Every structure is written in C-alpha cells, then in structure tokens.
Protein backbone atom coordinates (compact mmCIF):
# COMPACT_ATOMS: atom_id res chain seq x y z
CA MET A 1 166.13 258.40 159.83
CA ARG A 2 165.50 256.53 156.45
CA PHE A 3 167.67 256.61 153.40
CA ASP A 4 166.29 255.74 150.17
CA SER A 5 168.22 253.22 148.29
CA GLU A 6 167.35 254.36 144.77
CA LEU A 7 167.74 258.11 143.28
CA THR A 8 165.69 259.73 140.52
CA VAL A 9 168.12 260.35 137.51
CA ARG A 10 167.07 262.13 134.42
CA LEU A 11 169.13 261.03 131.21
CA VAL A 12 168.75 262.82 128.03
CA VAL A 13 169.64 260.22 125.56
CA ASN A 14 169.84 260.84 121.84
CA GLY A 15 167.48 263.67 122.42
CA ALA A 16 164.87 261.71 124.30
CA GLU A 17 164.39 262.17 128.21
CA HIS A 18 164.14 259.21 130.47
CA THR A 19 163.53 259.60 134.02
CA LEU A 20 164.81 256.55 136.07
CA ARG A 21 164.78 255.35 139.67
CA LEU A 22 168.35 253.73 139.86
CA GLU A 23 170.78 252.50 142.73
CA PRO A 24 173.44 255.04 143.16
CA ARG A 25 175.93 252.24 141.89
CA VAL A 26 174.26 251.62 138.55
CA THR A 27 176.60 252.45 135.79
CA LEU A 28 175.76 254.30 132.64
CA VAL A 29 176.12 251.30 130.34
CA ASP A 30 173.65 249.34 132.57
CA ALA A 31 171.25 252.11 132.56
CA LEU A 32 171.41 252.70 128.87
CA ARG A 33 171.02 248.89 127.95
CA ASP A 34 168.75 247.53 131.01
CA ARG A 35 166.73 250.58 131.61
CA VAL A 36 166.63 252.63 128.41
CA GLY A 37 166.55 249.67 126.14
CA LEU A 38 169.39 250.80 123.88
CA THR A 39 171.78 247.77 123.44
CA GLY A 40 174.04 249.35 120.60
CA THR A 41 176.49 250.18 123.59
CA LYS A 42 178.49 247.19 124.27
CA LYS A 43 179.34 245.89 127.66
CA GLY A 44 182.78 244.53 127.06
CA CYS A 45 185.39 244.18 129.84
CA ASP A 46 183.36 246.17 132.46
CA ARG A 47 186.74 247.71 133.72
CA GLY A 48 187.24 250.64 131.33
CA GLU A 49 189.94 248.81 129.14
CA CYS A 50 188.50 248.05 126.11
CA GLY A 51 186.44 250.86 124.84
CA ALA A 52 183.40 248.84 123.71
CA CYS A 53 181.05 251.13 125.81
CA THR A 54 182.33 254.55 124.48
CA VAL A 55 179.37 257.13 124.42
CA HIS A 56 179.20 260.79 124.27
CA VAL A 57 178.37 262.85 127.21
CA GLU A 58 177.84 266.61 126.47
CA GLY A 59 179.91 265.86 123.49
CA ARG A 60 182.76 264.15 125.17
CA ARG A 61 183.59 260.48 124.93
CA VAL A 62 183.49 258.61 128.21
CA LEU A 63 183.58 254.73 128.97
CA ALA A 64 180.00 253.99 130.01
CA CYS A 65 181.11 251.07 132.11
CA MET A 66 183.20 253.49 134.33
CA THR A 67 180.55 256.21 134.60
CA LEU A 68 177.74 256.27 137.04
CA ALA A 69 174.58 257.04 135.81
CA VAL A 70 174.06 259.57 138.76
CA MET A 71 177.16 261.53 137.47
CA VAL A 72 175.54 262.27 134.20
CA ASP A 73 171.95 263.37 135.62
CA GLY A 74 170.51 265.77 133.15
CA ALA A 75 173.46 265.43 130.65
CA GLU A 76 173.04 265.20 127.06
CA ILE A 77 174.11 261.55 125.99
CA THR A 78 174.71 260.18 122.37
CA THR A 79 175.07 256.63 121.86
CA ILE A 80 175.64 254.72 118.52
CA GLU A 81 171.82 254.70 118.08
CA GLY A 82 171.67 258.42 117.88
CA LEU A 83 174.35 259.06 115.24
CA ALA A 84 172.22 258.22 112.30
CA GLU A 85 170.10 261.28 111.05
CA ASP A 86 166.87 261.31 109.19
CA GLY A 87 167.43 257.76 108.48
CA ALA A 88 171.02 258.15 106.92
CA LEU A 89 173.96 256.80 108.56
CA HIS A 90 176.46 259.06 109.98
CA PRO A 91 179.52 259.57 107.83
CA VAL A 92 181.75 257.52 110.12
CA GLN A 93 179.37 254.64 109.97
CA GLU A 94 179.13 254.63 106.48
CA ALA A 95 183.13 254.76 106.27
CA PHE A 96 183.18 251.82 108.58
CA LEU A 97 180.94 249.85 106.04
CA ARG A 98 182.65 250.87 102.86
CA CYS A 99 186.32 250.32 104.51
CA ASP A 100 185.36 246.98 105.86
CA ALA A 101 186.27 248.37 109.20
CA LEU A 102 184.39 245.57 111.24
CA GLN A 103 184.57 241.94 111.61
CA CYS A 104 182.71 240.45 114.36
CA GLY A 105 181.18 243.86 115.26
CA PHE A 106 181.28 243.73 118.87
CA CYS A 107 183.62 246.77 119.32
CA THR A 108 182.20 248.52 116.55
CA PRO A 109 179.70 250.77 118.25
CA GLY A 110 182.42 251.97 120.76
CA GLN A 111 185.00 252.46 117.59
CA VAL A 112 182.48 254.45 115.79
CA MET A 113 181.75 256.85 118.56
CA SER A 114 185.48 257.15 119.57
CA ALA A 115 186.17 257.76 115.76
CA VAL A 116 183.51 260.51 115.83
CA ALA A 117 184.87 262.09 119.06
CA CYS A 118 188.42 261.87 117.57
CA LEU A 119 187.42 263.78 114.26
CA ALA A 120 185.82 266.68 116.19
CA GLU A 121 188.45 267.10 118.52
CA GLY A 122 190.74 267.53 115.56
CA HIS A 123 192.93 264.48 116.11
CA ALA A 124 192.66 262.70 112.70
CA GLY A 125 195.55 264.58 110.86
CA SER A 126 197.58 261.32 110.22
CA ALA A 127 197.35 257.70 110.80
CA ALA A 128 199.69 257.95 113.71
CA GLU A 129 197.38 260.46 115.50
CA ILE A 130 194.25 258.49 114.75
CA LYS A 131 196.02 255.37 116.28
CA GLU A 132 196.89 257.24 119.30
CA TRP A 133 193.83 259.11 119.94
CA MET A 134 191.64 255.88 119.28
CA SER A 135 194.23 253.64 121.18
CA GLY A 136 191.67 253.19 124.10
CA ASN A 137 189.24 251.03 121.89
CA LEU A 138 190.42 247.60 121.24
CA CYS A 139 189.44 245.20 118.35
CA ARG A 140 189.98 241.45 118.87
CA CYS A 141 189.57 240.91 115.12
CA ALA A 142 192.42 243.25 114.45
CA ALA A 143 190.46 245.42 112.04
CA TYR A 144 192.70 248.37 113.01
CA PRO A 145 193.95 249.31 109.25
CA GLN A 146 190.51 249.37 107.96
CA ILE A 147 189.53 251.46 111.08
CA VAL A 148 192.33 253.91 110.43
CA ALA A 149 191.39 254.09 106.80
CA ALA A 150 187.64 254.85 107.73
CA VAL A 151 188.67 257.69 110.13
CA GLN A 152 191.18 259.07 107.44
CA ALA A 153 188.33 258.99 104.55
CA VAL A 154 186.01 260.97 106.47
CA ALA A 155 188.85 263.65 107.87
CA SER A 156 189.96 263.67 104.21
CA ALA A 157 186.37 264.53 103.16
CA GLY A 158 186.11 267.21 105.66
CA ALA A 159 182.61 265.63 106.65
CA SER A 160 180.34 266.64 109.51
CA ALA A 161 177.42 264.92 111.00
CA SER A 162 175.21 266.09 108.12
CA THR A 163 177.16 265.17 104.98
CA ARG A 164 177.88 262.13 103.01
CA VAL A 165 181.11 260.78 102.38
CA ALA A 166 182.68 259.12 99.41
CA VAL A 167 185.00 256.27 100.65
CA PRO A 168 186.75 253.73 98.44
CA ARG A 169 184.75 250.30 98.28
C-alpha cells in the first residue's frame, strides 16, 4: 500500500481559488506566503503568541501559523491584501494610517485583520473592550494607544467595509 505524502488542498483566498499540492503539515501562513504569493500576512513567532499572522477564515479571525492548510480546504480566506475594495482602502486601514497606528509595520497586517474582526463581532464599545479583544495581537513598537484610537474611530463612524471614515489627522 502506498500513501501519498502530499494532499490536494483548495484554498479560496480573497475570492480567488488556488489548488495546491501540500504536505499535511504545511501551515496556512506558509501556504499563503510561499505557495500563493501573498506576503502581507506576517510570520512572527510561529507559535500563536503574537497575532502577526491573523487572517479571516469564513469570517472568523484565526492564527494562520497555528492552522494547517488542510484544515481550511475549500474555506473562504481573507488576508490583508483582500480588504481593499476597488482600489480604496478598508476603513480600518485608513484609520490606522490617519491615527498613526503603526511604526515598524510588522504587526500591522495582523492588527488590522484583528481590528476588522473585533468591529464585526461588536467588541468595540469601549477602549477597555477593544484592548481585551485585541489582546492576542502584540506590537513591539507599543503603538497600542493609536491602534485603539483607530478602532474607536471606525466604530464611532459606524463604518462597514464599503464606507469611508473621517478620522482625526
């Protein structure tokens, strides 16, 4: 009896279908970066501790470094590259820029993806709530006050993925 060391995995990433031959041990972050070519999702700690690899799978935030690609076969996956719509930044991306919610930028894709989920889940009612629900995303540059301000700006504007946000400069 022969066992194939690779499996066929179908990933639907940002609306585009990708059929890949992968070893069962390949993580979603590695499949996205190395096989699909989407390098916006960062590989930080590779242990599920920093949140840099946060993506959405079927609308829920997941840590791509802790998710095997075979586990999300056929699922809808959204990465940081999939947030912009018709060339316009997502309101959270705009707010991060205007609130200066980034410094080195390494954690930013994961922070933005987590912030979008935090807003969609209805967990942006206060600064304390935002901090709690975003606590799995670490920023070594300590831009936390600006990140919270960006999420609050979007929440107060009642923005969705298709609306523009006026945030303080």
